Amino acid sequence: MLHLGSNQRYYLYQGHADMRKGFDSLSGMVLAVMEHNPLSGDIYIFFNRRRNQVKLLHWESDGFALYYKRLEKGTYEIPVSLDKNNARSIHWQQLQFILQGVSLQKIQYRLRYKKIA
């Protein structure tokens, strides 16, 4: 079962993914293009060119889980990145905002304490 929480790492594929790709092709993209280990337990996020479809790939202890959603109306807003890397780390709250249709440009975080490890 796919569970989104702050205890996991999330990586956004910076390009456009073909939504016909399945478990093997997406895990191959994670390995070859994003240069990450698809068996790490991290969640990898792929959007199509029109940004109305999303796939999340996650390795659970015994196999891959794939979450796929297609919007009937509207598009997903993807965070802008100046980094040319094929994988961008995002926070789980950002992913929640993207999936819920919240505009990422208008979010303002208030100051909070963070313990430095």
PDB file of N, CA and C in Angstrom:
ATOM      1  N   MET A   1       0.849  -1.179   0.000  1.00  0.00           N
ATOM      2  CA  MET A   1       0.000   0.000   0.000  1.00  0.00           C
ATOM      3  C   MET A   1       0.889   1.234   0.000  1.00  0.00           C
ATOM      4  N   LEU A   2       0.610   2.152  -0.866  1.00  0.00           N
ATOM      5  CA  LEU A   2       1.391   3.374  -0.987  1.00  0.00           C
ATOM      6  C   LEU A   2       0.995   4.347   0.111  1.00  0.00           C
ATOM      7  N   HIS A   3       1.990   4.739   0.903  1.00  0.00           N
ATOM      8  CA  HIS A   3       1.752   5.684   1.988  1.00  0.00           C
ATOM      9  C   HIS A   3       2.714   6.848   1.823  1.00  0.00           C
ATOM     10  N   LEU A   4       2.180   8.058   1.769  1.00  0.00           N
ATOM     11  CA  LEU A   4       3.007   9.245   1.641  1.00  0.00           C
ATOM     12  C   LEU A   4       3.204   9.860   3.011  1.00  0.00           C
ATOM     13  N   GLY A   5       4.450   9.993   3.419  1.00  0.00           N
ATOM     14  CA  GLY A   5       4.743  10.566   4.719  1.00  0.00           C
ATOM     15  C   GLY A   5       6.108  11.222   4.733  1.00  0.00           C
ATOM     16  N   SER A   6       6.391  11.913   5.803  1.00  0.00           N
ATOM     17  CA  SER A   6       7.643  12.666   5.900  1.00  0.00           C
ATOM     18  C   SER A   6       8.852  11.768   6.125  1.00  0.00           C
ATOM     19  N   ASN A   7       8.636  10.495   6.417  1.00  0.00           N
ATOM     20  CA  ASN A   7       9.754   9.582   6.665  1.00  0.00           C
ATOM     21  C   ASN A   7      10.341   8.991   5.384  1.00  0.00           C
ATOM     22  N   GLN A   8       9.823   9.367   4.235  1.00  0.00           N
ATOM     23  CA  GLN A   8      10.336   8.860   2.960  1.00  0.00           C
ATOM     24  C   GLN A   8      10.927  10.009   2.151  1.00  0.00           C
ATOM     25  N   ARG A   9      11.751   9.647   1.167  1.00  0.00           N
ATOM     26  CA  ARG A   9      12.330  10.640   0.259  1.00  0.00           C
ATOM     27  C   ARG A   9      11.585  10.566  -1.070  1.00  0.00           C
ATOM     28  N   TYR A  10      11.416  11.736  -1.698  1.00  0.00           N
ATOM     29  CA  TYR A  10      10.660  11.858  -2.937  1.00  0.00           C
ATOM     30  C   TYR A  10      11.542  12.507  -3.991  1.00  0.00           C
ATOM     31  N   TYR A  11      11.550  11.910  -5.184  1.00  0.00           N
ATOM     32  CA  TYR A  11      12.355  12.435  -6.277  1.00  0.00           C
ATOM     33  C   TYR A  11      11.466  12.637  -7.495  1.00  0.00           C
ATOM     34  N   LEU A  12      11.524  13.839  -8.025  1.00  0.00           N
ATOM     35  CA  LEU A  12      10.728  14.234  -9.183  1.00  0.00           C
ATOM     36  C   LEU A  12      11.585  14.115 -10.429  1.00  0.00           C
ATOM     37  N   TYR A  13      11.109  13.353 -11.401  1.00  0.00           N
ATOM     38  CA  TYR A  13      11.794  13.260 -12.686  1.00  0.00           C
ATOM     39  C   TYR A  13      11.579  14.567 -13.426  1.00  0.00           C
ATOM     40  N   GLN A  14      12.669  15.214 -13.852  1.00  0.00           N
ATOM     41  CA  GLN A  14      12.601  16.550 -14.436  1.00  0.00           C
ATOM     42  C   GLN A  14      12.078  16.566 -15.877  1.00  0.00           C
ATOM     43  N   GLY A  15      12.105  15.451 -16.558  1.00  0.00           N
ATOM     44  CA  GLY A  15      11.639  15.409 -17.939  1.00  0.00           C
ATOM     45  C   GLY A  15      10.169  15.022 -18.018  1.00  0.00           C
ATOM     46  N   HIS A  16       9.745  14.635 -19.203  1.00  0.00           N
ATOM     47  CA  HIS A  16       8.378  14.174 -19.420  1.00  0.00           C
ATOM     48  C   HIS A  16       8.424  12.666 -19.617  1.00  0.00           C
ATOM     49  N   ALA A  17       7.566  11.960 -18.919  1.00  0.00           N
ATOM     50  CA  ALA A  17       7.553  10.497 -18.997  1.00  0.00           C
ATOM     51  C   ALA A  17       6.400  10.021 -19.880  1.00  0.00           C
ATOM     52  N   ASP A  18       6.640   8.941 -20.578  1.00  0.00           N
ATOM     53  CA  ASP A  18       5.619   8.277 -21.369  1.00  0.00           C
ATOM     54  C   ASP A  18       4.752   7.469 -20.408  1.00  0.00           C
ATOM     55  N   MET A  19       3.495   7.783 -20.307  1.00  0.00           N
ATOM     56  CA  MET A  19       2.620   7.135 -19.326  1.00  0.00           C
ATOM     57  C   MET A  19       2.264   5.700 -19.703  1.00  0.00           C
ATOM     58  N   ARG A  20       2.718   5.223 -20.856  1.00  0.00           N
ATOM     59  CA  ARG A  20       2.525   3.817 -21.207  1.00  0.00           C
ATOM     60  C   ARG A  20       3.550   2.932 -20.512  1.00  0.00           C
ATOM     61  N   LYS A  21       4.580   3.549 -19.931  1.00  0.00           N
ATOM     62  CA  LYS A  21       5.627   2.779 -19.263  1.00  0.00           C
ATOM     63  C   LYS A  21       5.094   2.149 -17.982  1.00  0.00           C
ATOM     64  N   GLY A  22       5.584   0.955 -17.732  1.00  0.00           N
ATOM     65  CA  GLY A  22       5.166   0.220 -16.544  1.00  0.00           C
ATOM     66  C   GLY A  22       6.282   0.122 -15.527  1.00  0.00           C
ATOM     67  N   PHE A  23       6.172  -0.856 -14.653  1.00  0.00           N
ATOM     68  CA  PHE A  23       7.121  -1.039 -13.559  1.00  0.00           C
ATOM     69  C   PHE A  23       8.571  -1.121 -14.048  1.00  0.00           C
ATOM     70  N   ASP A  24       8.817  -2.000 -15.007  1.00  0.00           N
ATOM     71  CA  ASP A  24      10.187  -2.249 -15.452  1.00  0.00           C
ATOM     72  C   ASP A  24      10.792  -1.045 -16.160  1.00  0.00           C
ATOM     73  N   SER A  25      10.033  -0.404 -17.037  1.00  0.00           N
ATOM     74  CA  SER A  25      10.557   0.752 -17.773  1.00  0.00           C
ATOM     75  C   SER A  25      10.814   1.937 -16.847  1.00  0.00           C
ATOM     76  N   LEU A  26       9.897   2.190 -15.917  1.00  0.00           N
ATOM     77  CA  LEU A  26      10.087   3.301 -14.986  1.00  0.00           C
ATOM     78  C   LEU A  26      11.257   3.036 -14.038  1.00  0.00           C
ATOM     79  N   SER A  27      11.391   1.807 -13.565  1.00  0.00           N
ATOM     80  CA  SER A  27      12.534   1.505 -12.688  1.00  0.00           C
ATOM     81  C   SER A  27      13.843   1.597 -13.477  1.00  0.00           C
ATOM     82  N   GLY A  28      13.803   1.277 -14.768  1.00  0.00           N
ATOM     83  CA  GLY A  28      14.974   1.458 -15.626  1.00  0.00           C
ATOM     84  C   GLY A  28      15.329   2.922 -15.784  1.00  0.00           C
ATOM     85  N   MET A  29      14.319   3.790 -15.882  1.00  0.00           N
ATOM     86  CA  MET A  29      14.572   5.236 -15.962  1.00  0.00           C
ATOM     87  C   MET A  29      15.184   5.751 -14.657  1.00  0.00           C
ATOM     88  N   VAL A  30      14.694   5.239 -13.534  1.00  0.00           N
ATOM     89  CA  VAL A  30      15.249   5.647 -12.239  1.00  0.00           C
ATOM     90  C   VAL A  30      16.727   5.292 -12.179  1.00  0.00           C
ATOM     91  N   LEU A  31      17.070   4.111 -12.625  1.00  0.00           N
ATOM     92  CA  LEU A  31      18.447   3.637 -12.570  1.00  0.00           C
ATOM     93  C   LEU A  31      19.343   4.354 -13.584  1.00  0.00           C
ATOM     94  N   ALA A  32      18.913   4.409 -14.845  1.00  0.00           N
ATOM     95  CA  ALA A  32      19.770   4.921 -15.912  1.00  0.00           C
ATOM     96  C   ALA A  32      19.753   6.445 -16.040  1.00  0.00           C
ATOM     97  N   VAL A  33      18.596   7.053 -15.952  1.00  0.00           N
ATOM     98  CA  VAL A  33      18.482   8.494 -16.201  1.00  0.00           C
ATOM     99  C   VAL A  33      18.608   9.308 -14.915  1.00  0.00           C
ATOM    100  N   MET A  34      17.895   8.877 -13.878  1.00  0.00           N
ATOM    101  CA  MET A  34      17.919   9.620 -12.620  1.00  0.00           C
ATOM    102  C   MET A  34      19.128   9.252 -11.764  1.00  0.00           C
ATOM    103  N   GLU A  35      19.781   8.134 -12.101  1.00  0.00           N
ATOM    104  CA  GLU A  35      20.966   7.642 -11.411  1.00  0.00           C
ATOM    105  C   GLU A  35      20.708   7.399  -9.923  1.00  0.00           C
ATOM    106  N   HIS A  36      19.587   6.760  -9.635  1.00  0.00           N
ATOM    107  CA  HIS A  36      19.215   6.360  -8.284  1.00  0.00           C
ATOM    108  C   HIS A  36      18.943   4.861  -8.294  1.00  0.00           C
ATOM    109  N   ASN A  37      18.907   4.271  -7.117  1.00  0.00           N
ATOM    110  CA  ASN A  37      18.595   2.860  -6.989  1.00  0.00           C
ATOM    111  C   ASN A  37      17.082   2.713  -6.807  1.00  0.00           C
ATOM    112  N   PRO A  38      16.371   2.114  -7.764  1.00  0.00           N
ATOM    113  CA  PRO A  38      14.918   1.993  -7.640  1.00  0.00           C
ATOM    114  C   PRO A  38      14.486   1.088  -6.484  1.00  0.00           C
ATOM    115  N   LEU A  39      15.401   0.289  -5.934  1.00  0.00           N
ATOM    116  CA  LEU A  39      15.076  -0.611  -4.828  1.00  0.00           C
ATOM    117  C   LEU A  39      15.333   0.032  -3.460  1.00  0.00           C
ATOM    118  N   SER A  40      15.578   1.331  -3.441  1.00  0.00           N
ATOM    119  CA  SER A  40      15.934   2.024  -2.201  1.00  0.00           C
ATOM    120  C   SER A  40      14.746   2.263  -1.279  1.00  0.00           C
ATOM    121  N   GLY A  41      13.539   2.177  -1.803  1.00  0.00           N
ATOM    122  CA  GLY A  41      12.358   2.479  -1.000  1.00  0.00           C
ATOM    123  C   GLY A  41      11.898   3.918  -1.147  1.00  0.00           C
ATOM    124  N   ASP A  42      12.650   4.716  -1.901  1.00  0.00           N
ATOM    125  CA  ASP A  42      12.245   6.092  -2.177  1.00  0.00           C
ATOM    126  C   ASP A  42      11.093   6.098  -3.172  1.00  0.00           C
ATOM    127  N   ILE A  43      10.384   7.211  -3.240  1.00  0.00           N
ATOM    128  CA  ILE A  43       9.258   7.343  -4.175  1.00  0.00           C
ATOM    129  C   ILE A  43       9.691   8.236  -5.326  1.00  0.00           C
ATOM    130  N   TYR A  44       9.470   7.750  -6.551  1.00  0.00           N
ATOM    131  CA  TYR A  44       9.859   8.459  -7.765  1.00  0.00           C
ATOM    132  C   TYR A  44       8.597   8.920  -8.488  1.00  0.00           C
ATOM    133  N   ILE A  45       8.605  10.188  -8.892  1.00  0.00           N
ATOM    134  CA  ILE A  45       7.408  10.837  -9.429  1.00  0.00           C
ATOM    135  C   ILE A  45       7.643  11.193 -10.890  1.00  0.00           C
ATOM    136  N   PHE A  46       6.683  10.823 -11.742  1.00  0.00           N
ATOM    137  CA  PHE A  46       6.774  11.068 -13.182  1.00  0.00           C
ATOM    138  C   PHE A  46       5.495  11.760 -13.657  1.00  0.00           C
ATOM    139  N   PHE A  47       5.648  12.786 -14.495  1.00  0.00           N
ATOM    140  CA  PHE A  47       4.514  13.469 -15.115  1.00  0.00           C
ATOM    141  C   PHE A  47       4.617  13.348 -16.626  1.00  0.00           C
ATOM    142  N   ASN A  48       3.471  13.394 -17.288  1.00  0.00           N
ATOM    143  CA  ASN A  48       3.482  13.393 -18.751  1.00  0.00           C
ATOM    144  C   ASN A  48       3.683  14.830 -19.258  1.00  0.00           C
ATOM    145  N   ARG A  49       3.806  14.967 -20.564  1.00  0.00           N
ATOM    146  CA  ARG A  49       4.088  16.275 -21.170  1.00  0.00           C
ATOM    147  C   ARG A  49       2.981  17.287 -20.888  1.00  0.00           C
ATOM    148  N   ARG A  50       1.733  16.864 -20.935  1.00  0.00           N
ATOM    149  CA  ARG A  50       0.614  17.799 -20.716  1.00  0.00           C
ATOM    150  C   ARG A  50       0.348  18.064 -19.235  1.00  0.00           C
ATOM    151  N   ARG A  51       1.044  17.342 -18.355  1.00  0.00           N
ATOM    152  CA  ARG A  51       0.932  17.491 -16.904  1.00  0.00           C
ATOM    153  C   ARG A  51      -0.481  17.223 -16.380  1.00  0.00           C
ATOM    154  N   ASN A  52      -1.171  16.309 -17.022  1.00  0.00           N
ATOM    155  CA  ASN A  52      -2.483  15.906 -16.508  1.00  0.00           C
ATOM    156  C   ASN A  52      -2.478  14.450 -16.023  1.00  0.00           C
ATOM    157  N   GLN A  53      -1.297  13.819 -16.035  1.00  0.00           N
ATOM    158  CA  GLN A  53      -1.158  12.459 -15.546  1.00  0.00           C
ATOM    159  C   GLN A  53       0.104  12.363 -14.693  1.00  0.00           C
ATOM    160  N   VAL A  54       0.029  11.550 -13.643  1.00  0.00           N
ATOM    161  CA  VAL A  54       1.166  11.356 -12.749  1.00  0.00           C
ATOM    162  C   VAL A  54       1.276   9.879 -12.391  1.00  0.00           C
ATOM    163  N   LYS A  55       2.528   9.420 -12.259  1.00  0.00           N
ATOM    164  CA  LYS A  55       2.803   8.075 -11.768  1.00  0.00           C
ATOM    165  C   LYS A  55       3.835   8.186 -10.652  1.00  0.00           C
ATOM    166  N   LEU A  56       3.592   7.448  -9.588  1.00  0.00           N
ATOM    167  CA  LEU A  56       4.520   7.353  -8.465  1.00  0.00           C
ATOM    168  C   LEU A  56       4.976   5.912  -8.373  1.00  0.00           C
ATOM    169  N   LEU A  57       6.275   5.705  -8.396  1.00  0.00           N
ATOM    170  CA  LEU A  57       6.862   4.367  -8.325  1.00  0.00           C
ATOM    171  C   LEU A  57       7.547   4.199  -6.979  1.00  0.00           C
ATOM    172  N   HIS A  58       7.246   3.087  -6.313  1.00  0.00           N
ATOM    173  CA  HIS A  58       7.796   2.839  -4.979  1.00  0.00           C
ATOM    174  C   HIS A  58       8.115   1.360  -4.815  1.00  0.00           C
ATOM    175  N   TRP A  59       9.319   1.077  -4.331  1.00  0.00           N
ATOM    176  CA  TRP A  59       9.693  -0.298  -4.036  1.00  0.00           C
ATOM    177  C   TRP A  59       9.291  -0.607  -2.601  1.00  0.00           C
ATOM    178  N   GLU A  60       8.417  -1.584  -2.433  1.00  0.00           N
ATOM    179  CA  GLU A  60       8.108  -2.100  -1.116  1.00  0.00           C
ATOM    180  C   GLU A  60       8.987  -3.321  -0.911  1.00  0.00           C
ATOM    181  N   SER A  61       8.985  -3.915   0.215  1.00  0.00           N
ATOM    182  CA  SER A  61       9.939  -4.984   0.517  1.00  0.00           C
ATOM    183  C   SER A  61       9.835  -6.197  -0.400  1.00  0.00           C
ATOM    184  N   ASP A  62       8.704  -6.374  -1.060  1.00  0.00           N
ATOM    185  CA  ASP A  62       8.534  -7.570  -1.896  1.00  0.00           C
ATOM    186  C   ASP A  62       8.182  -7.280  -3.348  1.00  0.00           C
ATOM    187  N   GLY A  63       8.164  -6.005  -3.755  1.00  0.00           N
ATOM    188  CA  GLY A  63       7.862  -5.670  -5.137  1.00  0.00           C
ATOM    189  C   GLY A  63       7.560  -4.199  -5.305  1.00  0.00           C
ATOM    190  N   PHE A  64       7.358  -3.808  -6.569  1.00  0.00           N
ATOM    191  CA  PHE A  64       7.057  -2.416  -6.882  1.00  0.00           C
ATOM    192  C   PHE A  64       5.578  -2.132  -6.715  1.00  0.00           C
ATOM    193  N   ALA A  65       5.283  -0.921  -6.273  1.00  0.00           N
ATOM    194  CA  ALA A  65       3.915  -0.408  -6.235  1.00  0.00           C
ATOM    195  C   ALA A  65       3.883   0.802  -7.159  1.00  0.00           C
ATOM    196  N   LEU A  66       2.800   0.926  -7.907  1.00  0.00           N
ATOM    197  CA  LEU A  66       2.670   2.021  -8.864  1.00  0.00           C
ATOM    198  C   LEU A  66       1.338   2.720  -8.645  1.00  0.00           C
ATOM    199  N   TYR A  67       1.405   4.023  -8.393  1.00  0.00           N
ATOM    200  CA  TYR A  67       0.210   4.851  -8.253  1.00  0.00           C
ATOM    201  C   TYR A  67       0.082   5.656  -9.542  1.00  0.00           C
ATOM    202  N   TYR A  68      -1.105   5.641 -10.148  1.00  0.00           N
ATOM    203  CA  TYR A  68      -1.315   6.320 -11.428  1.00  0.00           C
ATOM    204  C   TYR A  68      -2.597   7.119 -11.341  1.00  0.00           C
ATOM    205  N   LYS A  69      -2.512   8.397 -11.696  1.00  0.00           N
ATOM    206  CA  LYS A  69      -3.699   9.242 -11.669  1.00  0.00           C
ATOM    207  C   LYS A  69      -3.740  10.102 -12.918  1.00  0.00           C
ATOM    208  N   ARG A  70      -4.935  10.187 -13.503  1.00  0.00           N
ATOM    209  CA  ARG A  70      -5.169  11.043 -14.670  1.00  0.00           C
ATOM    210  C   ARG A  70      -6.260  12.037 -14.298  1.00  0.00           C
ATOM    211  N   LEU A  71      -5.969  13.312 -14.475  1.00  0.00           N
ATOM    212  CA  LEU A  71      -6.968  14.339 -14.204  1.00  0.00           C
ATOM    213  C   LEU A  71      -7.948  14.429 -15.363  1.00  0.00           C
ATOM    214  N   GLU A  72      -9.202  14.565 -15.069  1.00  0.00           N
ATOM    215  CA  GLU A  72     -10.216  14.753 -16.114  1.00  0.00           C
ATOM    216  C   GLU A  72     -10.275  16.207 -16.571  1.00  0.00           C
ATOM    217  N   LYS A  73      -9.853  17.116 -15.693  1.00  0.00           N
ATOM    218  CA  LYS A  73      -9.841  18.536 -16.028  1.00  0.00           C
ATOM    219  C   LYS A  73      -8.709  19.186 -15.255  1.00  0.00           C
ATOM    220  N   GLY A  74      -7.982  20.087 -15.882  1.00  0.00           N
ATOM    221  CA  GLY A  74      -6.895  20.794 -15.216  1.00  0.00           C
ATOM    222  C   GLY A  74      -5.557  20.101 -15.400  1.00  0.00           C
ATOM    223  N   THR A  75      -4.533  20.682 -14.779  1.00  0.00           N
ATOM    224  CA  THR A  75      -3.173  20.154 -14.860  1.00  0.00           C
ATOM    225  C   THR A  75      -2.512  20.215 -13.488  1.00  0.00           C
ATOM    226  N   TYR A  76      -1.422  19.485 -13.368  1.00  0.00           N
ATOM    227  CA  TYR A  76      -0.597  19.544 -12.171  1.00  0.00           C
ATOM    228  C   TYR A  76       0.427  20.658 -12.335  1.00  0.00           C
ATOM    229  N   GLU A  77       0.705  21.359 -11.259  1.00  0.00           N
ATOM    230  CA  GLU A  77       1.776  22.355 -11.274  1.00  0.00           C
ATOM    231  C   GLU A  77       3.045  21.682 -10.768  1.00  0.00           C
ATOM    232  N   ILE A  78       4.089  21.764 -11.565  1.00  0.00           N
ATOM    233  CA  ILE A  78       5.355  21.145 -11.212  1.00  0.00           C
ATOM    234  C   ILE A  78       6.292  22.235 -10.712  1.00  0.00           C
ATOM    235  N   PRO A  79       7.017  21.997  -9.620  1.00  0.00           N
ATOM    236  CA  PRO A  79       7.940  23.016  -9.106  1.00  0.00           C
ATOM    237  C   PRO A  79       8.995  23.390 -10.136  1.00  0.00           C
ATOM    238  N   VAL A  80       9.276  24.677 -10.237  1.00  0.00           N
ATOM    239  CA  VAL A  80      10.280  25.179 -11.172  1.00  0.00           C
ATOM    240  C   VAL A  80      11.661  24.911 -10.587  1.00  0.00           C
ATOM    241  N   SER A  81      12.563  24.431 -11.440  1.00  0.00           N
ATOM    242  CA  SER A  81      13.919  24.141 -10.995  1.00  0.00           C
ATOM    243  C   SER A  81      14.915  24.629 -12.035  1.00  0.00           C
ATOM    244  N   LEU A  82      15.946  25.307 -11.578  1.00  0.00           N
ATOM    245  CA  LEU A  82      17.012  25.748 -12.469  1.00  0.00           C
ATOM    246  C   LEU A  82      18.087  24.677 -12.607  1.00  0.00           C
ATOM    247  N   ASP A  83      17.991  23.651 -11.786  1.00  0.00           N
ATOM    248  CA  ASP A  83      18.946  22.556 -11.804  1.00  0.00           C
ATOM    249  C   ASP A  83      18.734  21.715 -13.052  1.00  0.00           C
ATOM    250  N   LYS A  84      19.816  21.364 -13.726  1.00  0.00           N
ATOM    251  CA  LYS A  84      19.732  20.557 -14.954  1.00  0.00           C
ATOM    252  C   LYS A  84      19.758  19.062 -14.656  1.00  0.00           C
ATOM    253  N   ASN A  85      19.792  18.693 -13.381  1.00  0.00           N
ATOM    254  CA  ASN A  85      19.802  17.292 -12.983  1.00  0.00           C
ATOM    255  C   ASN A  85      18.468  16.634 -13.363  1.00  0.00           C
ATOM    256  N   ASN A  86      18.472  15.349 -13.663  1.00  0.00           N
ATOM    257  CA  ASN A  86      17.254  14.653 -14.067  1.00  0.00           C
ATOM    258  C   ASN A  86      16.353  14.280 -12.905  1.00  0.00           C
ATOM    259  N   ALA A  87      16.875  14.367 -11.683  1.00  0.00           N
ATOM    260  CA  ALA A  87      16.092  14.042 -10.495  1.00  0.00           C
ATOM    261  C   ALA A  87      16.161  15.211  -9.527  1.00  0.00           C
ATOM    262  N   ARG A  88      15.014  15.597  -9.019  1.00  0.00           N
ATOM    263  CA  ARG A  88      14.958  16.689  -8.047  1.00  0.00           C
ATOM    264  C   ARG A  88      14.263  16.187  -6.800  1.00  0.00           C
ATOM    265  N   SER A  89      14.882  16.394  -5.674  1.00  0.00           N
ATOM    266  CA  SER A  89      14.295  15.996  -4.410  1.00  0.00           C
ATOM    267  C   SER A  89      13.217  17.003  -4.019  1.00  0.00           C
ATOM    268  N   ILE A  90      12.061  16.496  -3.625  1.00  0.00           N
ATOM    269  CA  ILE A  90      11.003  17.379  -3.139  1.00  0.00           C
ATOM    270  C   ILE A  90      10.516  16.848  -1.796  1.00  0.00           C
ATOM    271  N   HIS A  91       9.896  17.709  -1.033  1.00  0.00           N
ATOM    272  CA  HIS A  91       9.363  17.354   0.270  1.00  0.00           C
ATOM    273  C   HIS A  91       7.981  16.733   0.087  1.00  0.00           C
ATOM    274  N   TRP A  92       7.574  15.877   1.001  1.00  0.00           N
ATOM    275  CA  TRP A  92       6.287  15.195   0.877  1.00  0.00           C
ATOM    276  C   TRP A  92       5.131  16.187   0.885  1.00  0.00           C
ATOM    277  N   GLN A  93       5.264  17.319   1.590  1.00  0.00           N
ATOM    278  CA  GLN A  93       4.201  18.321   1.583  1.00  0.00           C
ATOM    279  C   GLN A  93       4.036  18.931   0.195  1.00  0.00           C
ATOM    280  N   GLN A  94       5.157  19.146  -0.515  1.00  0.00           N
ATOM    281  CA  GLN A  94       5.072  19.653  -1.883  1.00  0.00           C
ATOM    282  C   GLN A  94       4.305  18.673  -2.762  1.00  0.00           C
ATOM    283  N   LEU A  95       4.588  17.383  -2.598  1.00  0.00           N
ATOM    284  CA  LEU A  95       3.873  16.379  -3.386  1.00  0.00           C
ATOM    285  C   LEU A  95       2.382  16.411  -3.070  1.00  0.00           C
ATOM    286  N   GLN A  96       2.041  16.534  -1.804  1.00  0.00           N
ATOM    287  CA  GLN A  96       0.636  16.624  -1.420  1.00  0.00           C
ATOM    288  C   GLN A  96      -0.032  17.840  -2.078  1.00  0.00           C
ATOM    289  N   PHE A  97       0.648  18.978  -2.055  1.00  0.00           N
ATOM    290  CA  PHE A  97       0.107  20.186  -2.687  1.00  0.00           C
ATOM    291  C   PHE A  97      -0.098  19.977  -4.185  1.00  0.00           C
ATOM    292  N   ILE A  98       0.873  19.355  -4.839  1.00  0.00           N
ATOM    293  CA  ILE A  98       0.773  19.096  -6.278  1.00  0.00           C
ATOM    294  C   ILE A  98      -0.440  18.220  -6.569  1.00  0.00           C
ATOM    295  N   LEU A  99      -0.584  17.124  -5.826  1.00  0.00           N
ATOM    296  CA  LEU A  99      -1.681  16.198  -6.077  1.00  0.00           C
ATOM    297  C   LEU A  99      -3.047  16.795  -5.750  1.00  0.00           C
ATOM    298  N   GLN A 100      -3.097  17.733  -4.816  1.00  0.00           N
ATOM    299  CA  GLN A 100      -4.359  18.359  -4.426  1.00  0.00           C
ATOM    300  C   GLN A 100      -4.704  19.586  -5.269  1.00  0.00           C
ATOM    301  N   GLY A 101      -3.786  20.011  -6.140  1.00  0.00           N
ATOM    302  CA  GLY A 101      -4.068  21.148  -7.007  1.00  0.00           C
ATOM    303  C   GLY A 101      -3.802  22.501  -6.381  1.00  0.00           C
ATOM    304  N   VAL A 102      -2.996  22.545  -5.339  1.00  0.00           N
ATOM    305  CA  VAL A 102      -2.653  23.808  -4.686  1.00  0.00           C
ATOM    306  C   VAL A 102      -1.573  24.504  -5.506  1.00  0.00           C
ATOM    307  N   SER A 103      -1.714  25.816  -5.706  1.00  0.00           N
ATOM    308  CA  SER A 103      -0.719  26.582  -6.444  1.00  0.00           C
ATOM    309  C   SER A 103       0.552  26.703  -5.619  1.00  0.00           C
ATOM    310  N   LEU A 104       1.657  26.258  -6.161  1.00  0.00           N
ATOM    311  CA  LEU A 104       2.927  26.258  -5.437  1.00  0.00           C
ATOM    312  C   LEU A 104       3.538  27.651  -5.351  1.00  0.00           C
ATOM    313  N   GLN A 105       3.130  28.558  -6.213  1.00  0.00           N
ATOM    314  CA  GLN A 105       3.690  29.910  -6.223  1.00  0.00           C
ATOM    315  C   GLN A 105       3.210  30.746  -5.046  1.00  0.00           C
ATOM    316  N   LYS A 106       2.078  30.422  -4.464  1.00  0.00           N
ATOM    317  CA  LYS A 106       1.476  31.266  -3.434  1.00  0.00           C
ATOM    318  C   LYS A 106       1.648  30.724  -2.016  1.00  0.00           C
ATOM    319  N   ILE A 107       2.315  29.592  -1.872  1.00  0.00           N
ATOM    320  CA  ILE A 107       2.486  28.992  -0.552  1.00  0.00           C
ATOM    321  C   ILE A 107       3.582  29.741   0.187  1.00  0.00           C
ATOM    322  N   GLN A 108       3.283  30.142   1.398  1.00  0.00           N
ATOM    323  CA  GLN A 108       4.275  30.793   2.249  1.00  0.00           C
ATOM    324  C   GLN A 108       4.331  30.034   3.563  1.00  0.00           C
ATOM    325  N   TYR A 109       5.526  29.569   3.913  1.00  0.00           N
ATOM    326  CA  TYR A 109       5.708  28.847   5.156  1.00  0.00           C
ATOM    327  C   TYR A 109       6.066  29.832   6.265  1.00  0.00           C
ATOM    328  N   ARG A 110       5.456  29.669   7.410  1.00  0.00           N
ATOM    329  CA  ARG A 110       5.764  30.505   8.565  1.00  0.00           C
ATOM    330  C   ARG A 110       6.955  29.896   9.295  1.00  0.00           C
ATOM    331  N   LEU A 111       7.691  30.728   9.993  1.00  0.00           N
ATOM    332  CA  LEU A 111       8.890  30.311  10.693  1.00  0.00           C
ATOM    333  C   LEU A 111       8.567  29.266  11.754  1.00  0.00           C
ATOM    334  N   ARG A 112       9.333  28.177  11.768  1.00  0.00           N
ATOM    335  CA  ARG A 112       9.195  27.106  12.744  1.00  0.00           C
ATOM    336  C   ARG A 112      10.580  26.672  13.199  1.00  0.00           C
ATOM    337  N   TYR A 113      10.642  26.117  14.374  1.00  0.00           N
ATOM    338  CA  TYR A 113      11.901  25.595  14.913  1.00  0.00           C
ATOM    339  C   TYR A 113      12.245  24.286  14.212  1.00  0.00           C
ATOM    340  N   LYS A 114      13.516  24.141  13.857  1.00  0.00           N
ATOM    341  CA  LYS A 114      14.026  22.890  13.289  1.00  0.00           C
ATOM    342  C   LYS A 114      15.280  22.504  14.051  1.00  0.00           C
ATOM    343  N   LYS A 115      15.281  21.329  14.601  1.00  0.00           N
ATOM    344  CA  LYS A 115      16.441  20.840  15.335  1.00  0.00           C
ATOM    345  C   LYS A 115      17.512  20.446  14.333  1.00  0.00           C
ATOM    346  N   ILE A 116      18.698  20.935  14.524  1.00  0.00           N
ATOM    347  CA  ILE A 116      19.822  20.616  13.631  1.00  0.00           C
ATOM    348  C   ILE A 116      20.506  19.392  14.173  1.00  0.00           C
ATOM    349  N   ALA A 117      20.619  18.371  13.323  1.00  0.00           N
ATOM    350  CA  ALA A 117      21.188  17.084  13.769  1.00  0.00           C
ATOM    351  C   ALA A 117      22.689  17.130  13.814  1.00  0.00           C
TER     352      ALA A 117
END
